[in-house]
Amino acid sequence: MNLQSLLRDYLTAYTARYGAVTTPEQWSALNAMLGCRTAQYGLLSLHCTQCNRQEHRPLSCGHRACTQCHQHSNALWCERQCLKLLPVSYFMVTFTLPGELHPLARTQQQTLYALLFNAAIETLRTFGLNDSRLQAELAATAVLHTHTRRIDYHPHVHLIVPGGGIHTARREWRKVKEEYLFNHFNLARVFRAVFLKKLRAAGFDIPSSPAKWVAHCKHVGKGKGAIQYLSRYLYRGVLSDSQLVHDDGTNVTFRYRDSPSKKMETGTLKGEELIHLLLLHVLPKGFRRARDYGFLHGNAKQALRLLQYLLRIVIPPTKSRGKAKRICPCCKAVLQITGVIWPRKRVPLQPG
């Protein structure tokens, strides 16, 4: 049992129940996952120079919501972020969208997710500039998550923050000396004000302001572990094949690790409900899930290099990653690519 077979088995039931409310991006993701590693995306022609074996292997879809793709992309992102690490304490700051705003976020994903990023980094910068220990411009790597481990809809943004910044007036490096950055209650209060201000400026009415706003701020050591954690969910779907437990033809059972207890739990949903829940986490076309700010931004490489020089960081030489070799199942020799057979016509799923 795998996710692709479940999508195929419950596609008719899903279309009948949720087809009318499925967005074009969700149809595109569904079509990609159904066709991944089938002839839908073409075939790779391979030849073994030792035993003369010829074979064709189907190509992957490459969609970022697909569980079968992008393991290589996750590793590359993690490597790039680790090269930016500084010898300071790191913190994970998390801002969560209140449940009262979830319905609006589902229908206005592009706008609400962008506001979530913007409000989070503005809040963080405000605290960095006003803190008497720092009075500095903070930097961060932010990653948007839209789900809990039980794959419920739960938009929140994680920010990996170095415990230091550049003093705005003196242009000097300042860092925190303890394993404490900011009070999470104060973060939540300021984030609430910033987010609601931006939401109103975007033209949205708020009938009743959510009562509970949640923010967390915790020390995460030297940052590498936090980067590795976030990289797992960056270029893949929210549910892997290994989490699928049972399918009785109507209901699907899956396992997940409960966050509070850290124990493995199981959840059961109707097949079409599970597909609907998975597709809720498909991002709008072109929307970037991971973003860098401050001296970690791609346009601030000179500032980052200067900081690394001042902090005496030795940057290891970049190692080029070789592409995975395709091995002949008969003689174990390396297969040579001789060509690609592209499909003549691919008919995507249609809304409705």
Protein backbone atom coordinates (compact mmCIF):
# COMPACT_ATOMS: atom_id res chain seq x y z
CA MET A 1 0.00 0.00 0.00
CA ASN A 2 1.27 3.45 -0.90
CA LEU A 3 -0.16 6.93 -1.23
CA GLN A 4 -0.29 6.78 -5.02
CA SER A 5 -2.49 3.66 -4.95
CA LEU A 6 -4.80 5.28 -2.37
CA LEU A 7 -5.19 8.35 -4.57
CA ARG A 8 -6.09 6.12 -7.48
CA ASP A 9 -8.57 4.00 -5.46
CA TYR A 10 -10.41 6.95 -3.88
CA LEU A 11 -10.23 9.42 -6.78
CA THR A 12 -13.86 8.88 -7.84
CA ALA A 13 -15.19 9.32 -4.29
CA TYR A 14 -13.01 12.40 -3.79
CA THR A 15 -14.14 14.02 -7.04
CA ALA A 16 -17.81 13.43 -6.22
CA ARG A 17 -17.51 14.97 -2.75
CA TYR A 18 -14.81 17.64 -3.08
CA GLY A 19 -14.30 18.20 -6.80
CA ALA A 20 -16.31 21.44 -6.85
CA VAL A 21 -14.11 23.06 -4.17
CA THR A 22 -10.74 21.80 -5.42
CA THR A 23 -8.41 24.57 -6.62
CA PRO A 24 -6.41 24.39 -9.88
CA GLU A 25 -3.19 24.01 -7.83
CA GLN A 26 -4.71 21.04 -5.99
CA TRP A 27 -5.84 19.38 -9.24
CA SER A 28 -2.33 19.87 -10.58
CA ALA A 29 -0.78 18.27 -7.49
CA LEU A 30 -3.22 15.36 -7.62
CA ASN A 31 -2.53 14.77 -11.29
CA ALA A 32 1.23 14.87 -10.68
CA MET A 33 1.17 12.43 -7.77
CA LEU A 34 -1.03 9.99 -9.70
CA GLY A 35 1.33 10.04 -12.67
CA CYS A 36 4.64 10.09 -10.79
CA ARG A 37 7.00 7.34 -11.94
CA THR A 38 4.58 6.13 -14.59
CA ALA A 39 4.72 6.58 -18.34
CA GLN A 40 2.70 9.79 -17.91
CA TYR A 41 5.90 11.81 -17.49
CA GLY A 42 8.02 9.86 -19.94
CA LEU A 43 10.49 6.98 -19.84
CA LEU A 44 14.25 6.98 -19.38
CA SER A 45 16.04 4.64 -21.79
CA LEU A 46 18.95 2.82 -20.15
CA HIS A 47 21.63 0.48 -21.47
CA CYS A 48 24.11 -1.74 -19.65
CA THR A 49 27.51 -1.80 -21.36
CA GLN A 50 28.47 -5.07 -19.68
CA CYS A 51 25.49 -7.39 -20.23
CA ASN A 52 23.75 -5.33 -22.96
CA ARG A 53 20.53 -5.18 -20.95
CA GLN A 54 18.05 -2.57 -22.22
CA GLU A 55 15.32 -1.13 -20.04
CA HIS A 56 12.99 1.82 -19.61
CA ARG A 57 12.33 3.49 -16.26
CA PRO A 58 9.48 5.98 -15.68
CA LEU A 59 10.35 9.56 -14.75
CA SER A 60 9.25 11.36 -11.58
CA CYS A 61 6.73 14.20 -11.60
CA GLY A 62 8.94 16.62 -9.62
CA HIS A 63 5.94 18.22 -7.87
CA ARG A 64 6.80 19.60 -4.44
CA ALA A 65 3.71 17.96 -2.88
CA CYS A 66 4.77 14.49 -4.06
CA THR A 67 6.15 12.10 -1.43
CA GLN A 68 8.27 10.24 -4.02
CA CYS A 69 10.29 13.27 -5.14
CA HIS A 70 12.81 15.82 -3.85
CA GLN A 71 14.81 13.87 -1.25
CA HIS A 72 17.89 15.31 -3.01
CA SER A 73 16.46 18.85 -2.77
CA ASN A 74 15.94 18.50 1.00
CA ALA A 75 19.58 17.48 1.47
CA LEU A 76 20.87 20.35 -0.68
CA TRP A 77 18.82 22.95 1.21
CA CYS A 78 20.06 21.59 4.52
CA GLU A 79 23.68 21.76 3.34
CA ARG A 80 23.30 25.36 2.12
CA GLN A 81 21.78 26.48 5.41
CA CYS A 82 24.43 24.73 7.50
CA LEU A 83 27.13 26.68 5.61
CA LYS A 84 25.56 29.88 6.99
CA LEU A 85 25.70 28.82 10.65
CA LEU A 86 27.50 31.14 13.09
CA PRO A 87 29.19 30.17 16.40
CA VAL A 88 26.30 31.52 18.52
CA SER A 89 23.24 30.15 20.25
CA TYR A 90 20.26 29.56 17.99
CA PHE A 91 16.56 29.88 18.72
CA MET A 92 13.40 28.53 17.14
CA VAL A 93 10.63 31.14 17.12
CA THR A 94 7.19 29.94 16.03
CA PHE A 95 4.13 32.06 15.21
CA THR A 96 0.77 30.30 14.77
CA LEU A 97 -2.32 31.49 12.92
CA PRO A 98 -5.36 31.32 15.27
CA GLY A 99 -8.09 28.80 14.46
CA GLU A 100 -10.65 31.55 13.88
CA LEU A 101 -8.66 32.66 10.82
CA HIS A 102 -8.26 29.18 9.30
CA PRO A 103 -11.37 29.43 7.05
CA LEU A 104 -10.08 32.72 5.62
CA ALA A 105 -6.60 31.25 5.15
CA ARG A 106 -7.99 28.29 3.19
CA THR A 107 -9.69 30.56 0.67
CA GLN A 108 -7.01 33.30 0.59
CA GLN A 109 -3.82 31.27 0.89
CA GLN A 110 -1.55 33.51 -1.18
CA THR A 111 -2.42 36.61 0.87
CA LEU A 112 -2.69 35.08 4.35
CA TYR A 113 0.51 33.05 4.11
CA ALA A 114 2.42 36.10 2.87
CA LEU A 115 1.02 38.14 5.78
CA LEU A 116 2.09 35.39 8.16
CA PHE A 117 5.69 35.63 6.92
CA ASN A 118 5.72 39.44 6.91
CA ALA A 119 4.16 39.83 10.35
CA ALA A 120 6.51 37.24 11.85
CA ILE A 121 9.72 38.84 10.59
CA GLU A 122 8.49 42.37 11.43
CA THR A 123 7.75 41.24 14.99
CA LEU A 124 11.17 39.65 15.32
CA ARG A 125 12.95 42.73 13.98
CA THR A 126 11.00 44.99 16.35
CA PHE A 127 12.14 42.94 19.34
CA GLY A 128 15.75 42.88 18.13
CA LEU A 129 15.91 46.65 17.72
CA ASN A 130 14.18 47.40 21.04
CA ASP A 131 16.07 44.88 23.18
CA SER A 132 18.67 46.66 25.35
CA ARG A 133 21.10 43.73 25.03
CA LEU A 134 21.05 43.81 21.25
CA GLN A 135 19.59 46.91 19.60
CA ALA A 136 20.43 45.01 16.44
CA GLU A 137 19.04 43.86 13.11
CA LEU A 138 18.25 40.18 13.50
CA ALA A 139 18.32 37.62 10.72
CA ALA A 140 16.27 34.46 10.31
CA THR A 141 15.47 31.51 8.11
CA ALA A 142 11.69 31.08 8.01
CA VAL A 143 9.76 27.99 6.92
CA LEU A 144 5.98 27.79 6.54
CA HIS A 145 4.20 24.69 7.82
CA THR A 146 0.46 24.27 7.23
CA HIS A 147 -0.18 21.08 9.19
CA THR A 148 0.17 19.33 12.51
CA ARG A 149 1.74 15.89 12.73
CA ARG A 150 -1.80 14.53 12.54
CA ILE A 151 -2.00 16.45 9.19
CA ASP A 152 -4.77 18.75 10.46
CA TYR A 153 -4.82 22.23 8.91
CA HIS A 154 -2.69 24.40 11.20
CA PRO A 155 -0.72 27.20 9.46
CA HIS A 156 2.34 28.39 11.37
CA VAL A 157 5.79 29.69 10.55
CA HIS A 158 9.06 28.57 12.14
CA LEU A 159 12.01 30.96 12.26
CA ILE A 160 15.53 29.76 13.00
CA VAL A 161 17.17 32.81 14.56
CA PRO A 162 20.89 33.29 15.34
CA GLY A 163 21.31 34.73 18.83
CA GLY A 164 22.92 37.91 17.60
CA GLY A 165 22.67 40.73 15.12
CA ILE A 166 24.28 43.82 13.64
CA HIS A 167 23.98 46.96 15.80
CA THR A 168 22.25 49.53 13.64
CA ALA A 169 24.21 52.61 14.79
CA ARG A 170 27.67 51.25 15.61
CA ARG A 171 27.66 48.62 12.85
CA GLU A 172 29.08 46.04 15.25
CA TRP A 173 28.17 42.45 16.01
CA ARG A 174 26.21 41.83 19.20
CA LYS A 175 25.03 38.50 20.57
CA VAL A 176 22.99 37.21 23.48
CA LYS A 177 25.05 35.51 26.17
CA GLU A 178 22.40 33.26 27.63
CA GLU A 179 19.99 30.62 26.36
CA TYR A 180 17.15 33.11 26.28
CA LEU A 181 16.00 35.37 23.49
CA PHE A 182 12.51 36.87 23.98
CA ASN A 183 9.41 36.29 26.12
CA HIS A 184 6.89 34.27 24.12
CA PHE A 185 3.85 36.03 25.63
CA ASN A 186 5.22 39.39 24.51
CA LEU A 187 6.01 37.97 21.07
CA ALA A 188 2.42 36.73 20.70
CA ARG A 189 0.98 40.10 21.74
CA VAL A 190 3.07 42.12 19.28
CA PHE A 191 2.56 39.57 16.50
CA ARG A 192 -1.20 39.84 17.00
CA ALA A 193 -1.11 43.62 16.61
CA VAL A 194 1.15 43.51 13.54
CA PHE A 195 -0.80 40.75 11.80
CA LEU A 196 -4.23 42.30 12.35
CA LYS A 197 -2.96 45.68 11.14
CA LYS A 198 -1.66 44.09 7.94
CA LEU A 199 -4.86 42.07 7.53
CA ARG A 200 -7.03 45.19 7.71
CA ALA A 201 -4.68 47.05 5.36
CA ALA A 202 -5.17 44.20 2.86
CA GLY A 203 -8.92 44.89 2.90
CA PHE A 204 -10.18 42.04 5.08
CA ASP A 205 -12.82 42.56 7.75
CA ILE A 206 -12.41 40.77 11.07
CA PRO A 207 -15.84 40.15 12.66
CA SER A 208 -14.32 39.14 15.99
CA SER A 209 -10.65 39.21 16.82
CA PRO A 210 -9.30 35.79 17.86
CA ALA A 211 -8.85 35.60 21.61
CA LYS A 212 -5.80 33.34 21.70
CA TRP A 213 -2.59 34.03 19.79
CA VAL A 214 0.30 31.61 20.24
CA ALA A 215 4.03 32.14 19.86
CA HIS A 216 6.92 30.01 21.09
CA CYS A 217 10.59 30.79 21.51
CA LYS A 218 13.07 28.13 22.56
CA HIS A 219 16.80 27.57 22.51
CA VAL A 220 17.88 24.98 19.91
CA GLY A 221 21.61 24.72 20.49
CA LYS A 222 23.88 25.56 17.56
CA GLY A 223 21.09 25.45 14.98
CA LYS A 224 22.03 22.41 12.92
CA GLY A 225 19.40 20.15 14.48
CA ALA A 226 16.66 22.71 13.85
CA ILE A 227 17.71 23.06 10.21
CA GLN A 228 17.64 19.29 9.75
CA TYR A 229 14.18 19.11 11.34
CA LEU A 230 12.71 21.78 9.06
CA SER A 231 14.36 20.33 5.96
CA ARG A 232 12.34 17.11 6.30
CA TYR A 233 9.09 18.89 5.46
CA LEU A 234 10.39 21.33 2.88
CA TYR A 235 10.14 19.51 -0.44
CA ARG A 236 7.77 16.63 0.18
CA GLY A 237 4.17 15.86 0.97
CA VAL A 238 2.77 15.85 4.48
CA LEU A 239 2.19 12.08 4.67
CA SER A 240 4.74 9.43 3.66
CA ASP A 241 4.08 5.87 2.52
CA SER A 242 5.69 4.52 5.70
CA GLN A 243 2.97 6.21 7.78
CA LEU A 244 0.14 4.32 6.07
CA VAL A 245 -1.09 1.42 8.22
CA HIS A 246 -4.33 -0.02 6.83
CA ASP A 247 -6.96 0.48 4.13
CA ASP A 248 -10.26 -1.41 4.36
CA GLY A 249 -11.74 0.02 1.17
CA THR A 250 -13.57 2.83 2.97
CA ASN A 251 -11.30 4.08 5.74
CA VAL A 252 -7.55 4.63 5.81
CA THR A 253 -5.49 4.40 9.00
CA PHE A 254 -2.16 6.20 9.32
CA ARG A 255 0.38 6.67 12.09
CA TYR A 256 1.93 9.87 13.40
CA ARG A 257 3.97 11.01 16.36
CA ASP A 258 1.91 12.99 18.85
CA SER A 259 3.70 16.26 19.67
CA PRO A 260 2.86 16.55 23.41
CA SER A 261 3.44 12.90 24.36
CA LYS A 262 6.09 12.08 21.70
CA LYS A 263 4.35 8.70 21.32
CA MET A 264 3.21 7.08 18.09
CA GLU A 265 -0.56 7.37 17.58
CA THR A 266 -2.92 6.39 14.77
CA GLY A 267 -5.68 8.30 13.00
CA THR A 268 -8.43 6.98 10.73
CA LEU A 269 -10.27 8.90 8.01
CA LYS A 270 -12.40 8.05 5.02
CA GLY A 271 -10.26 7.76 1.92
CA GLU A 272 -11.69 10.83 0.20
CA GLU A 273 -11.40 12.86 3.43
CA LEU A 274 -7.73 11.95 3.69
CA ILE A 275 -7.10 13.11 0.12
CA HIS A 276 -8.96 16.36 0.82
CA LEU A 277 -6.85 16.96 3.93
CA LEU A 278 -3.62 16.26 2.05
CA LEU A 279 -4.52 18.65 -0.75
CA LEU A 280 -5.31 21.46 1.72
CA HIS A 281 -1.54 21.71 2.25
CA VAL A 282 -0.71 22.29 -1.43
CA LEU A 283 0.73 25.80 -1.66
CA PRO A 284 -0.31 28.38 -4.28
CA LYS A 285 1.69 28.26 -7.50
CA GLY A 286 5.05 30.00 -7.12
CA PHE A 287 4.72 30.52 -3.36
CA ARG A 288 8.02 29.94 -1.55
CA ARG A 289 7.78 27.87 1.62
CA ALA A 290 11.27 28.81 2.88
CA ARG A 291 12.67 32.35 3.04
CA ASP A 292 15.83 33.98 4.38
CA TYR A 293 15.92 37.42 6.00
CA GLY A 294 18.58 39.90 7.08
CA PHE A 295 22.20 38.90 6.61
CA LEU A 296 21.04 35.36 5.72
CA HIS A 297 19.24 36.58 2.60
CA GLY A 298 20.74 35.68 -0.76
CA ASN A 299 21.37 39.36 -1.56
CA ALA A 300 23.35 39.84 1.68
CA LYS A 301 26.18 37.38 0.98
CA GLN A 302 28.82 40.08 1.48
CA ALA A 303 27.52 40.90 4.97
CA LEU A 304 27.41 37.21 5.90
CA ARG A 305 30.96 36.62 4.64
CA LEU A 306 32.18 39.61 6.66
CA LEU A 307 30.52 38.23 9.80
CA GLN A 308 32.05 34.82 9.20
CA TYR A 309 35.46 36.47 8.79
CA LEU A 310 35.10 38.52 11.98
CA LEU A 311 33.94 35.46 13.92
CA ARG A 312 36.83 33.43 12.47
CA ILE A 313 34.68 30.81 10.82
CA VAL A 314 36.49 28.47 8.47
CA ILE A 315 34.12 27.69 5.60
CA PRO A 316 34.74 24.18 4.24
CA PRO A 317 35.08 23.85 0.47
CA THR A 318 31.86 23.02 -1.29
CA LYS A 319 31.67 19.40 -2.37
CA SER A 320 29.87 18.70 -5.59
CA ARG A 321 27.18 16.09 -5.15
CA GLY A 322 27.31 13.34 -7.71
CA LYS A 323 24.06 12.19 -9.23
CA ALA A 324 22.67 8.88 -8.06
CA LYS A 325 23.87 6.02 -10.21
CA ARG A 326 21.41 3.63 -11.81
CA ILE A 327 22.51 0.05 -11.33
CA CYS A 328 21.82 -2.90 -13.62
CA PRO A 329 19.74 -5.51 -11.71
CA CYS A 330 21.53 -8.34 -13.54
CA CYS A 331 25.27 -7.61 -13.36
CA LYS A 332 25.30 -4.60 -10.95
CA ALA A 333 27.16 -2.43 -13.46
CA VAL A 334 26.28 1.24 -13.91
CA LEU A 335 23.54 1.80 -16.49
CA GLN A 336 24.10 4.41 -19.20
CA ILE A 337 21.33 6.81 -20.24
CA THR A 338 20.70 6.56 -23.97
CA GLY A 339 17.63 8.78 -24.31
CA VAL A 340 14.22 9.86 -23.08
CA ILE A 341 10.87 8.78 -24.50
CA TRP A 342 8.45 11.65 -23.96
CA PRO A 343 4.69 10.99 -23.87
CA ARG A 344 2.84 12.18 -26.96
CA LYS A 345 0.04 13.79 -24.98
CA ARG A 346 -0.74 14.04 -21.31
CA VAL A 347 -4.35 14.76 -20.35
CA PRO A 348 -4.53 16.31 -16.86
CA LEU A 349 -7.37 15.82 -14.42
CA GLN A 350 -10.11 18.37 -14.87
CA PRO A 351 -11.96 20.22 -12.09
CA GLY A 352 -15.56 19.26 -11.63
